[in-house]
Amino acid sequence: MKHSVTHDLDDATAKRATEKAFAAYAERFEKYSPRAHWTHERHCDVTFSVKGFTLRGALDLEPGQIVMDLEVPFVLRVFKGQALDIIEREIRLWVDKAKRGELDD
């Protein structure tokens, strides 16, 4: 299931905001071992560990949107919406900060 967060940032700023959002998420939810690996300028593979399962997904930067896709085992599908909501909130927070020029390098 794909979910997107719209924005009006340029590509470089959208990527920085996405990186900051994931870093903040990873710090806050360290117990789930969130990992992000950029395999391309516009594509990031992500993983999380929950209840002994590894969840895999991706963040893709498309014009005007950040697209999240998370593969969740059937037994954990109940948590998928919650996970996407949390990630979306974090991304929106950092997109708003980027709009205000508040991204630190």
PDB file of N, CA and C in Angstrom:
ATOM      1  N   MET A   1       0.839  -1.175   0.000  1.00  0.00           N
ATOM      2  CA  MET A   1       0.000   0.000   0.000  1.00  0.00           C
ATOM      3  C   MET A   1       0.883   1.238   0.000  1.00  0.00           C
ATOM      4  N   LYS A   2       0.626   2.120  -0.930  1.00  0.00           N
ATOM      5  CA  LYS A   2       1.401   3.352  -1.013  1.00  0.00           C
ATOM      6  C   LYS A   2       0.608   4.484  -0.386  1.00  0.00           C
ATOM      7  N   HIS A   3       1.370   5.403   0.174  1.00  0.00           N
ATOM      8  CA  HIS A   3       0.788   6.581   0.816  1.00  0.00           C
ATOM      9  C   HIS A   3       1.709   7.753   0.491  1.00  0.00           C
ATOM     10  N   SER A   4       1.137   8.880   0.133  1.00  0.00           N
ATOM     11  CA  SER A   4       2.004  10.007  -0.220  1.00  0.00           C
ATOM     12  C   SER A   4       1.728  11.233   0.644  1.00  0.00           C
ATOM     13  N   VAL A   5       2.784  12.013   0.798  1.00  0.00           N
ATOM     14  CA  VAL A   5       2.726  13.292   1.502  1.00  0.00           C
ATOM     15  C   VAL A   5       3.083  14.350   0.467  1.00  0.00           C
ATOM     16  N   THR A   6       2.153  15.256   0.202  1.00  0.00           N
ATOM     17  CA  THR A   6       2.416  16.288  -0.798  1.00  0.00           C
ATOM     18  C   THR A   6       3.229  17.432  -0.192  1.00  0.00           C
ATOM     19  N   HIS A   7       3.938  18.136  -1.054  1.00  0.00           N
ATOM     20  CA  HIS A   7       4.756  19.272  -0.629  1.00  0.00           C
ATOM     21  C   HIS A   7       5.004  20.179  -1.823  1.00  0.00           C
ATOM     22  N   ASP A   8       5.541  21.344  -1.560  1.00  0.00           N
ATOM     23  CA  ASP A   8       5.884  22.269  -2.637  1.00  0.00           C
ATOM     24  C   ASP A   8       7.356  22.686  -2.538  1.00  0.00           C
ATOM     25  N   LEU A   9       8.185  21.741  -2.146  1.00  0.00           N
ATOM     26  CA  LEU A   9       9.620  21.990  -1.995  1.00  0.00           C
ATOM     27  C   LEU A   9      10.364  21.606  -3.268  1.00  0.00           C
ATOM     28  N   ASP A  10      11.555  22.180  -3.452  1.00  0.00           N
ATOM     29  CA  ASP A  10      12.405  21.725  -4.543  1.00  0.00           C
ATOM     30  C   ASP A  10      12.963  20.346  -4.165  1.00  0.00           C
ATOM     31  N   ASP A  11      13.514  19.629  -5.136  1.00  0.00           N
ATOM     32  CA  ASP A  11      13.955  18.254  -4.917  1.00  0.00           C
ATOM     33  C   ASP A  11      14.991  18.114  -3.802  1.00  0.00           C
ATOM     34  N   ALA A  12      16.001  18.973  -3.809  1.00  0.00           N
ATOM     35  CA  ALA A  12      17.069  18.871  -2.805  1.00  0.00           C
ATOM     36  C   ALA A  12      16.530  19.115  -1.397  1.00  0.00           C
ATOM     37  N   THR A  13      15.647  20.099  -1.254  1.00  0.00           N
ATOM     38  CA  THR A  13      15.083  20.398   0.058  1.00  0.00           C
ATOM     39  C   THR A  13      14.147  19.286   0.507  1.00  0.00           C
ATOM     40  N   ALA A  14      13.390  18.719  -0.421  1.00  0.00           N
ATOM     41  CA  ALA A  14      12.503  17.600  -0.088  1.00  0.00           C
ATOM     42  C   ALA A  14      13.317  16.409   0.416  1.00  0.00           C
ATOM     43  N   LYS A  15      14.454  16.168  -0.210  1.00  0.00           N
ATOM     44  CA  LYS A  15      15.298  15.054   0.244  1.00  0.00           C
ATOM     45  C   LYS A  15      15.849  15.346   1.644  1.00  0.00           C
ATOM     46  N   ARG A  16      16.335  16.554   1.869  1.00  0.00           N
ATOM     47  CA  ARG A  16      16.866  16.904   3.202  1.00  0.00           C
ATOM     48  C   ARG A  16      15.788  16.798   4.261  1.00  0.00           C
ATOM     49  N   ALA A  17      14.577  17.259   3.946  1.00  0.00           N
ATOM     50  CA  ALA A  17      13.472  17.172   4.900  1.00  0.00           C
ATOM     51  C   ALA A  17      13.137  15.705   5.188  1.00  0.00           C
ATOM     52  N   THR A  18      13.166  14.864   4.172  1.00  0.00           N
ATOM     53  CA  THR A  18      12.891  13.431   4.346  1.00  0.00           C
ATOM     54  C   THR A  18      13.969  12.786   5.206  1.00  0.00           C
ATOM     55  N   GLU A  19      15.218  13.129   4.952  1.00  0.00           N
ATOM     56  CA  GLU A  19      16.317  12.587   5.759  1.00  0.00           C
ATOM     57  C   GLU A  19      16.177  13.013   7.219  1.00  0.00           C
ATOM     58  N   LYS A  20      15.875  14.278   7.443  1.00  0.00           N
ATOM     59  CA  LYS A  20      15.696  14.780   8.817  1.00  0.00           C
ATOM     60  C   LYS A  20      14.513  14.092   9.498  1.00  0.00           C
ATOM     61  N   ALA A  21      13.429  13.913   8.766  1.00  0.00           N
ATOM     62  CA  ALA A  21      12.241  13.260   9.328  1.00  0.00           C
ATOM     63  C   ALA A  21      12.569  11.830   9.744  1.00  0.00           C
ATOM     64  N   PHE A  22      13.267  11.103   8.882  1.00  0.00           N
ATOM     65  CA  PHE A  22      13.579   9.714   9.228  1.00  0.00           C
ATOM     66  C   PHE A  22      14.558   9.653  10.392  1.00  0.00           C
ATOM     67  N   ALA A  23      15.519  10.557  10.426  1.00  0.00           N
ATOM     68  CA  ALA A  23      16.477  10.576  11.539  1.00  0.00           C
ATOM     69  C   ALA A  23      15.761  10.842  12.869  1.00  0.00           C
ATOM     70  N   ALA A  24      14.807  11.773  12.854  1.00  0.00           N
ATOM     71  CA  ALA A  24      14.047  12.065  14.070  1.00  0.00           C
ATOM     72  C   ALA A  24      13.202  10.862  14.471  1.00  0.00           C
ATOM     73  N   TYR A  25      12.590  10.217  13.478  1.00  0.00           N
ATOM     74  CA  TYR A  25      11.792   9.015  13.730  1.00  0.00           C
ATOM     75  C   TYR A  25      12.678   7.920  14.327  1.00  0.00           C
ATOM     76  N   ALA A  26      13.850   7.732  13.731  1.00  0.00           N
ATOM     77  CA  ALA A  26      14.770   6.680  14.195  1.00  0.00           C
ATOM     78  C   ALA A  26      15.218   6.924  15.633  1.00  0.00           C
ATOM     79  N   GLU A  27      15.420   8.179  15.987  1.00  0.00           N
ATOM     80  CA  GLU A  27      15.823   8.497  17.354  1.00  0.00           C
ATOM     81  C   GLU A  27      14.673   8.238  18.339  1.00  0.00           C
ATOM     82  N   ARG A  28      13.489   8.653  17.946  1.00  0.00           N
ATOM     83  CA  ARG A  28      12.323   8.505  18.822  1.00  0.00           C
ATOM     84  C   ARG A  28      11.878   7.053  18.976  1.00  0.00           C
ATOM     85  N   PHE A  29      12.035   6.251  17.930  1.00  0.00           N
ATOM     86  CA  PHE A  29      11.571   4.866  17.949  1.00  0.00           C
ATOM     87  C   PHE A  29      12.736   3.898  17.790  1.00  0.00           C
ATOM     88  N   GLU A  30      13.822   4.193  18.477  1.00  0.00           N
ATOM     89  CA  GLU A  30      15.047   3.405  18.391  1.00  0.00           C
ATOM     90  C   GLU A  30      14.809   1.916  18.641  1.00  0.00           C
ATOM     91  N   LYS A  31      13.868   1.583  19.526  1.00  0.00           N
ATOM     92  CA  LYS A  31      13.625   0.175  19.878  1.00  0.00           C
ATOM     93  C   LYS A  31      13.150  -0.652  18.683  1.00  0.00           C
ATOM     94  N   TYR A  32      12.693   0.005  17.605  1.00  0.00           N
ATOM     95  CA  TYR A  32      12.257  -0.715  16.400  1.00  0.00           C
ATOM     96  C   TYR A  32      13.360  -0.819  15.346  1.00  0.00           C
ATOM     97  N   SER A  33      14.545  -0.408  15.698  1.00  0.00           N
ATOM     98  CA  SER A  33      15.717  -0.476  14.805  1.00  0.00           C
ATOM     99  C   SER A  33      15.443   0.050  13.398  1.00  0.00           C
ATOM    100  N   PRO A  34      14.907   1.251  13.277  1.00  0.00           N
ATOM    101  CA  PRO A  34      14.657   1.791  11.938  1.00  0.00           C
ATOM    102  C   PRO A  34      15.969   2.074  11.211  1.00  0.00           C
ATOM    103  N   ARG A  35      16.010   1.688   9.969  1.00  0.00           N
ATOM    104  CA  ARG A  35      17.193   1.900   9.135  1.00  0.00           C
ATOM    105  C   ARG A  35      16.769   2.469   7.793  1.00  0.00           C
ATOM    106  N   ALA A  36      17.569   3.369   7.263  1.00  0.00           N
ATOM    107  CA  ALA A  36      17.312   3.959   5.954  1.00  0.00           C
ATOM    108  C   ALA A  36      18.580   3.872   5.118  1.00  0.00           C
ATOM    109  N   HIS A  37      18.419   3.483   3.867  1.00  0.00           N
ATOM    110  CA  HIS A  37      19.559   3.373   2.961  1.00  0.00           C
ATOM    111  C   HIS A  37      19.151   3.951   1.602  1.00  0.00           C
ATOM    112  N   TRP A  38      19.763   5.088   1.263  1.00  0.00           N
ATOM    113  CA  TRP A  38      19.479   5.717  -0.032  1.00  0.00           C
ATOM    114  C   TRP A  38      20.203   4.939  -1.116  1.00  0.00           C
ATOM    115  N   THR A  39      19.462   4.326  -2.016  1.00  0.00           N
ATOM    116  CA  THR A  39      20.049   3.551  -3.111  1.00  0.00           C
ATOM    117  C   THR A  39      20.114   4.369  -4.393  1.00  0.00           C
ATOM    118  N   HIS A  40      19.447   5.498  -4.384  1.00  0.00           N
ATOM    119  CA  HIS A  40      19.382   6.398  -5.523  1.00  0.00           C
ATOM    120  C   HIS A  40      19.058   7.776  -4.959  1.00  0.00           C
ATOM    121  N   GLU A  41      19.303   8.797  -5.704  1.00  0.00           N
ATOM    122  CA  GLU A  41      19.039  10.163  -5.242  1.00  0.00           C
ATOM    123  C   GLU A  41      17.577  10.369  -4.823  1.00  0.00           C
ATOM    124  N   ARG A  42      16.678   9.578  -5.400  1.00  0.00           N
ATOM    125  CA  ARG A  42      15.250   9.755  -5.142  1.00  0.00           C
ATOM    126  C   ARG A  42      14.593   8.525  -4.507  1.00  0.00           C
ATOM    127  N   HIS A  43      15.381   7.540  -4.109  1.00  0.00           N
ATOM    128  CA  HIS A  43      14.805   6.303  -3.547  1.00  0.00           C
ATOM    129  C   HIS A  43      15.576   5.870  -2.298  1.00  0.00           C
ATOM    130  N   CYS A  44      14.819   5.588  -1.243  1.00  0.00           N
ATOM    131  CA  CYS A  44      15.409   5.160   0.020  1.00  0.00           C
ATOM    132  C   CYS A  44      14.716   3.875   0.488  1.00  0.00           C
ATOM    133  N   ASP A  45      15.487   2.822   0.727  1.00  0.00           N
ATOM    134  CA  ASP A  45      14.952   1.597   1.312  1.00  0.00           C
ATOM    135  C   ASP A  45      14.951   1.761   2.826  1.00  0.00           C
ATOM    136  N   VAL A  46      13.871   1.346   3.470  1.00  0.00           N
ATOM    137  CA  VAL A  46      13.772   1.448   4.922  1.00  0.00           C
ATOM    138  C   VAL A  46      13.375   0.093   5.507  1.00  0.00           C
ATOM    139  N   THR A  47      13.834  -0.153   6.751  1.00  0.00           N
ATOM    140  CA  THR A  47      13.438  -1.356   7.475  1.00  0.00           C
ATOM    141  C   THR A  47      13.158  -0.998   8.931  1.00  0.00           C
ATOM    142  N   PHE A  48      12.287  -1.792   9.542  1.00  0.00           N
ATOM    143  CA  PHE A  48      11.930  -1.667  10.954  1.00  0.00           C
ATOM    144  C   PHE A  48      11.787  -3.084  11.504  1.00  0.00           C
ATOM    145  N   SER A  49      12.041  -3.260  12.770  1.00  0.00           N
ATOM    146  CA  SER A  49      11.830  -4.552  13.421  1.00  0.00           C
ATOM    147  C   SER A  49      10.741  -4.394  14.466  1.00  0.00           C
ATOM    148  N   VAL A  50       9.701  -5.224  14.356  1.00  0.00           N
ATOM    149  CA  VAL A  50       8.576  -5.169  15.282  1.00  0.00           C
ATOM    150  C   VAL A  50       8.176  -6.591  15.642  1.00  0.00           C
ATOM    151  N   LYS A  51       8.174  -6.883  16.933  1.00  0.00           N
ATOM    152  CA  LYS A  51       7.721  -8.182  17.439  1.00  0.00           C
ATOM    153  C   LYS A  51       8.380  -9.358  16.709  1.00  0.00           C
ATOM    154  N   GLY A  52       9.676  -9.224  16.454  1.00  0.00           N
ATOM    155  CA  GLY A  52      10.422 -10.296  15.809  1.00  0.00           C
ATOM    156  C   GLY A  52      10.310 -10.334  14.295  1.00  0.00           C
ATOM    157  N   PHE A  53       9.598  -9.400  13.705  1.00  0.00           N
ATOM    158  CA  PHE A  53       9.438  -9.333  12.255  1.00  0.00           C
ATOM    159  C   PHE A  53      10.188  -8.119  11.719  1.00  0.00           C
ATOM    160  N   THR A  54      10.702  -8.252  10.512  1.00  0.00           N
ATOM    161  CA  THR A  54      11.324  -7.118   9.844  1.00  0.00           C
ATOM    162  C   THR A  54      10.358  -6.601   8.794  1.00  0.00           C
ATOM    163  N   LEU A  55      10.030  -5.331   8.902  1.00  0.00           N
ATOM    164  CA  LEU A  55       9.170  -4.664   7.933  1.00  0.00           C
ATOM    165  C   LEU A  55      10.068  -3.930   6.961  1.00  0.00           C
ATOM    166  N   ARG A  56       9.761  -4.067   5.694  1.00  0.00           N
ATOM    167  CA  ARG A  56      10.547  -3.415   4.644  1.00  0.00           C
ATOM    168  C   ARG A  56       9.658  -2.439   3.889  1.00  0.00           C
ATOM    169  N   GLY A  57      10.280  -1.394   3.435  1.00  0.00           N
ATOM    170  CA  GLY A  57       9.523  -0.418   2.676  1.00  0.00           C
ATOM    171  C   GLY A  57      10.434   0.518   1.929  1.00  0.00           C
ATOM    172  N   ALA A  58       9.861   1.584   1.437  1.00  0.00           N
ATOM    173  CA  ALA A  58      10.629   2.546   0.658  1.00  0.00           C
ATOM    174  C   ALA A  58      10.033   3.933   0.803  1.00  0.00           C
ATOM    175  N   LEU A  59      10.887   4.905   0.640  1.00  0.00           N
ATOM    176  CA  LEU A  59      10.495   6.305   0.519  1.00  0.00           C
ATOM    177  C   LEU A  59      10.984   6.754  -0.855  1.00  0.00           C
ATOM    178  N   ASP A  60      10.080   7.249  -1.670  1.00  0.00           N
ATOM    179  CA  ASP A  60      10.450   7.720  -3.008  1.00  0.00           C
ATOM    180  C   ASP A  60      10.097   9.188  -3.133  1.00  0.00           C
ATOM    181  N   LEU A  61      11.039   9.960  -3.635  1.00  0.00           N
ATOM    182  CA  LEU A  61      10.828  11.385  -3.865  1.00  0.00           C
ATOM    183  C   LEU A  61      10.337  11.561  -5.293  1.00  0.00           C
ATOM    184  N   GLU A  62       9.110  12.013  -5.422  1.00  0.00           N
ATOM    185  CA  GLU A  62       8.522  12.287  -6.722  1.00  0.00           C
ATOM    186  C   GLU A  62       8.192  13.770  -6.762  1.00  0.00           C
ATOM    187  N   PRO A  63       8.009  14.333  -7.939  1.00  0.00           N
ATOM    188  CA  PRO A  63       7.699  15.764  -8.002  1.00  0.00           C
ATOM    189  C   PRO A  63       6.461  16.102  -7.160  1.00  0.00           C
ATOM    190  N   GLY A  64       6.652  16.948  -6.167  1.00  0.00           N
ATOM    191  CA  GLY A  64       5.552  17.409  -5.344  1.00  0.00           C
ATOM    192  C   GLY A  64       5.029  16.434  -4.307  1.00  0.00           C
ATOM    193  N   GLN A  65       5.711  15.302  -4.145  1.00  0.00           N
ATOM    194  CA  GLN A  65       5.257  14.353  -3.138  1.00  0.00           C
ATOM    195  C   GLN A  65       6.365  13.402  -2.693  1.00  0.00           C
ATOM    196  N   ILE A  66       6.211  12.946  -1.453  1.00  0.00           N
ATOM    197  CA  ILE A  66       7.075  11.909  -0.900  1.00  0.00           C
ATOM    198  C   ILE A  66       6.180  10.696  -0.748  1.00  0.00           C
ATOM    199  N   VAL A  67       6.527   9.623  -1.442  1.00  0.00           N
ATOM    200  CA  VAL A  67       5.686   8.429  -1.471  1.00  0.00           C
ATOM    201  C   VAL A  67       6.287   7.381  -0.549  1.00  0.00           C
ATOM    202  N   MET A  68       5.456   6.898   0.370  1.00  0.00           N
ATOM    203  CA  MET A  68       5.873   5.845   1.303  1.00  0.00           C
ATOM    204  C   MET A  68       5.187   4.554   0.898  1.00  0.00           C
ATOM    205  N   ASP A  69       5.917   3.462   0.938  1.00  0.00           N
ATOM    206  CA  ASP A  69       5.342   2.149   0.688  1.00  0.00           C
ATOM    207  C   ASP A  69       5.937   1.215   1.721  1.00  0.00           C
ATOM    208  N   LEU A  70       5.099   0.537   2.477  1.00  0.00           N
ATOM    209  CA  LEU A  70       5.555  -0.325   3.559  1.00  0.00           C
ATOM    210  C   LEU A  70       4.947  -1.708   3.387  1.00  0.00           C
ATOM    211  N   GLU A  71       5.812  -2.725   3.290  1.00  0.00           N
ATOM    212  CA  GLU A  71       5.365  -4.115   3.202  1.00  0.00           C
ATOM    213  C   GLU A  71       5.275  -4.658   4.624  1.00  0.00           C
ATOM    214  N   VAL A  72       4.083  -5.070   5.012  1.00  0.00           N
ATOM    215  CA  VAL A  72       3.864  -5.525   6.373  1.00  0.00           C
ATOM    216  C   VAL A  72       3.317  -6.951   6.349  1.00  0.00           C
ATOM    217  N   PRO A  73       3.946  -7.862   7.116  1.00  0.00           N
ATOM    218  CA  PRO A  73       3.411  -9.224   7.188  1.00  0.00           C
ATOM    219  C   PRO A  73       1.965  -9.202   7.676  1.00  0.00           C
ATOM    220  N   PHE A  74       1.175 -10.144   7.215  1.00  0.00           N
ATOM    221  CA  PHE A  74      -0.251 -10.192   7.545  1.00  0.00           C
ATOM    222  C   PHE A  74      -0.513 -10.047   9.040  1.00  0.00           C
ATOM    223  N   VAL A  75       0.272 -10.750   9.844  1.00  0.00           N
ATOM    224  CA  VAL A  75       0.058 -10.748  11.289  1.00  0.00           C
ATOM    225  C   VAL A  75       0.220  -9.358  11.912  1.00  0.00           C
ATOM    226  N   LEU A  76       0.932  -8.473  11.243  1.00  0.00           N
ATOM    227  CA  LEU A  76       1.154  -7.115  11.775  1.00  0.00           C
ATOM    228  C   LEU A  76       0.379  -6.039  11.020  1.00  0.00           C
ATOM    229  N   ARG A  77      -0.490  -6.419  10.103  1.00  0.00           N
ATOM    230  CA  ARG A  77      -1.222  -5.430   9.290  1.00  0.00           C
ATOM    231  C   ARG A  77      -1.988  -4.429  10.143  1.00  0.00           C
ATOM    232  N   VAL A  78      -2.387  -4.842  11.323  1.00  0.00           N
ATOM    233  CA  VAL A  78      -3.104  -3.964  12.240  1.00  0.00           C
ATOM    234  C   VAL A  78      -2.277  -2.713  12.563  1.00  0.00           C
ATOM    235  N   PHE A  79      -0.954  -2.815  12.511  1.00  0.00           N
ATOM    236  CA  PHE A  79      -0.064  -1.701  12.844  1.00  0.00           C
ATOM    237  C   PHE A  79       0.325  -0.842  11.645  1.00  0.00           C
ATOM    238  N   LYS A  80      -0.017  -1.285  10.438  1.00  0.00           N
ATOM    239  CA  LYS A  80       0.444  -0.590   9.236  1.00  0.00           C
ATOM    240  C   LYS A  80      -0.049   0.854   9.185  1.00  0.00           C
ATOM    241  N   GLY A  81      -1.336   1.063   9.408  1.00  0.00           N
ATOM    242  CA  GLY A  81      -1.881   2.416   9.375  1.00  0.00           C
ATOM    243  C   GLY A  81      -1.235   3.309  10.408  1.00  0.00           C
ATOM    244  N   GLN A  82      -1.024   2.756  11.593  1.00  0.00           N
ATOM    245  CA  GLN A  82      -0.390   3.513  12.675  1.00  0.00           C
ATOM    246  C   GLN A  82       1.034   3.903  12.282  1.00  0.00           C
ATOM    247  N   ALA A  83       1.772   2.961  11.707  1.00  0.00           N
ATOM    248  CA  ALA A  83       3.149   3.249  11.295  1.00  0.00           C
ATOM    249  C   ALA A  83       3.181   4.331  10.220  1.00  0.00           C
ATOM    250  N   LEU A  84       2.314   4.212   9.212  1.00  0.00           N
ATOM    251  CA  LEU A  84       2.279   5.225   8.157  1.00  0.00           C
ATOM    252  C   LEU A  84       1.871   6.592   8.710  1.00  0.00           C
ATOM    253  N   ASP A  85       0.930   6.621   9.642  1.00  0.00           N
ATOM    254  CA  ASP A  85       0.524   7.895  10.252  1.00  0.00           C
ATOM    255  C   ASP A  85       1.677   8.564  10.984  1.00  0.00           C
ATOM    256  N   ILE A  86       2.430   7.771  11.739  1.00  0.00           N
ATOM    257  CA  ILE A  86       3.561   8.325  12.492  1.00  0.00           C
ATOM    258  C   ILE A  86       4.624   8.864  11.541  1.00  0.00           C
ATOM    259  N   ILE A  87       4.930   8.099  10.494  1.00  0.00           N
ATOM    260  CA  ILE A  87       5.940   8.541   9.523  1.00  0.00           C
ATOM    261  C   ILE A  87       5.449   9.792   8.798  1.00  0.00           C
ATOM    262  N   GLU A  88       4.170   9.810   8.418  1.00  0.00           N
ATOM    263  CA  GLU A  88       3.632  10.983   7.730  1.00  0.00           C
ATOM    264  C   GLU A  88       3.715  12.224   8.611  1.00  0.00           C
ATOM    265  N   ARG A  89       3.355  12.106   9.887  1.00  0.00           N
ATOM    266  CA  ARG A  89       3.439  13.260  10.796  1.00  0.00           C
ATOM    267  C   ARG A  89       4.861  13.794  10.860  1.00  0.00           C
ATOM    268  N   GLU A  90       5.830  12.885  10.947  1.00  0.00           N
ATOM    269  CA  GLU A  90       7.229  13.306  11.030  1.00  0.00           C
ATOM    270  C   GLU A  90       7.653  14.008   9.743  1.00  0.00           C
ATOM    271  N   ILE A  91       7.258  13.457   8.589  1.00  0.00           N
ATOM    272  CA  ILE A  91       7.614  14.082   7.308  1.00  0.00           C
ATOM    273  C   ILE A  91       6.960  15.457   7.199  1.00  0.00           C
ATOM    274  N   ARG A  92       5.679  15.561   7.521  1.00  0.00           N
ATOM    275  CA  ARG A  92       4.988  16.859   7.445  1.00  0.00           C
ATOM    276  C   ARG A  92       5.650  17.896   8.356  1.00  0.00           C
ATOM    277  N   LEU A  93       6.051  17.477   9.557  1.00  0.00           N
ATOM    278  CA  LEU A  93       6.745  18.372  10.478  1.00  0.00           C
ATOM    279  C   LEU A  93       7.999  18.941   9.825  1.00  0.00           C
ATOM    280  N   TRP A  94       8.808  18.075   9.209  1.00  0.00           N
ATOM    281  CA  TRP A  94      10.061  18.524   8.610  1.00  0.00           C
ATOM    282  C   TRP A  94       9.848  19.268   7.295  1.00  0.00           C
ATOM    283  N   VAL A  95       8.812  18.939   6.536  1.00  0.00           N
ATOM    284  CA  VAL A  95       8.482  19.720   5.344  1.00  0.00           C
ATOM    285  C   VAL A  95       8.116  21.141   5.763  1.00  0.00           C
ATOM    286  N   ASP A  96       7.321  21.271   6.826  1.00  0.00           N
ATOM    287  CA  ASP A  96       6.968  22.600   7.329  1.00  0.00           C
ATOM    288  C   ASP A  96       8.200  23.365   7.803  1.00  0.00           C
ATOM    289  N   LYS A  97       9.109  22.675   8.490  1.00  0.00           N
ATOM    290  CA  LYS A  97      10.349  23.325   8.922  1.00  0.00           C
ATOM    291  C   LYS A  97      11.157  23.792   7.707  1.00  0.00           C
ATOM    292  N   ALA A  98      11.207  22.961   6.673  1.00  0.00           N
ATOM    293  CA  ALA A  98      11.943  23.331   5.457  1.00  0.00           C
ATOM    294  C   ALA A  98      11.344  24.573   4.826  1.00  0.00           C
ATOM    295  N   LYS A  99      10.023  24.660   4.800  1.00  0.00           N
ATOM    296  CA  LYS A  99       9.360  25.833   4.228  1.00  0.00           C
ATOM    297  C   LYS A  99       9.729  27.107   4.990  1.00  0.00           C
ATOM    298  N   ARG A 100       9.948  26.957   6.302  1.00  0.00           N
ATOM    299  CA  ARG A 100      10.310  28.111   7.125  1.00  0.00           C
ATOM    300  C   ARG A 100      11.816  28.342   7.143  1.00  0.00           C
ATOM    301  N   GLY A 101      12.571  27.520   6.413  1.00  0.00           N
ATOM    302  CA  GLY A 101      14.024  27.672   6.361  1.00  0.00           C
ATOM    303  C   GLY A 101      14.717  27.200   7.624  1.00  0.00           C
ATOM    304  N   GLU A 102      14.136  26.213   8.312  1.00  0.00           N
ATOM    305  CA  GLU A 102      14.661  25.757   9.601  1.00  0.00           C
ATOM    306  C   GLU A 102      15.408  24.424   9.536  1.00  0.00           C
ATOM    307  N   LEU A 103      15.827  23.995   8.357  1.00  0.00           N
ATOM    308  CA  LEU A 103      16.613  22.761   8.273  1.00  0.00           C
ATOM    309  C   LEU A 103      18.063  23.074   8.616  1.00  0.00           C
ATOM    310  N   ASP A 104      18.586  22.376   9.604  1.00  0.00           N
ATOM    311  CA  ASP A 104      20.000  22.547   9.966  1.00  0.00           C
ATOM    312  C   ASP A 104      20.813  21.573   9.145  1.00  0.00           C
ATOM    313  N   ASP A 105      21.978  21.967   8.740  1.00  0.00           N
ATOM    314  CA  ASP A 105      22.858  21.049   7.987  1.00  0.00           C
ATOM    315  C   ASP A 105      23.837  20.373   8.893  1.00  0.00           C
TER     316      ASP A 105
END
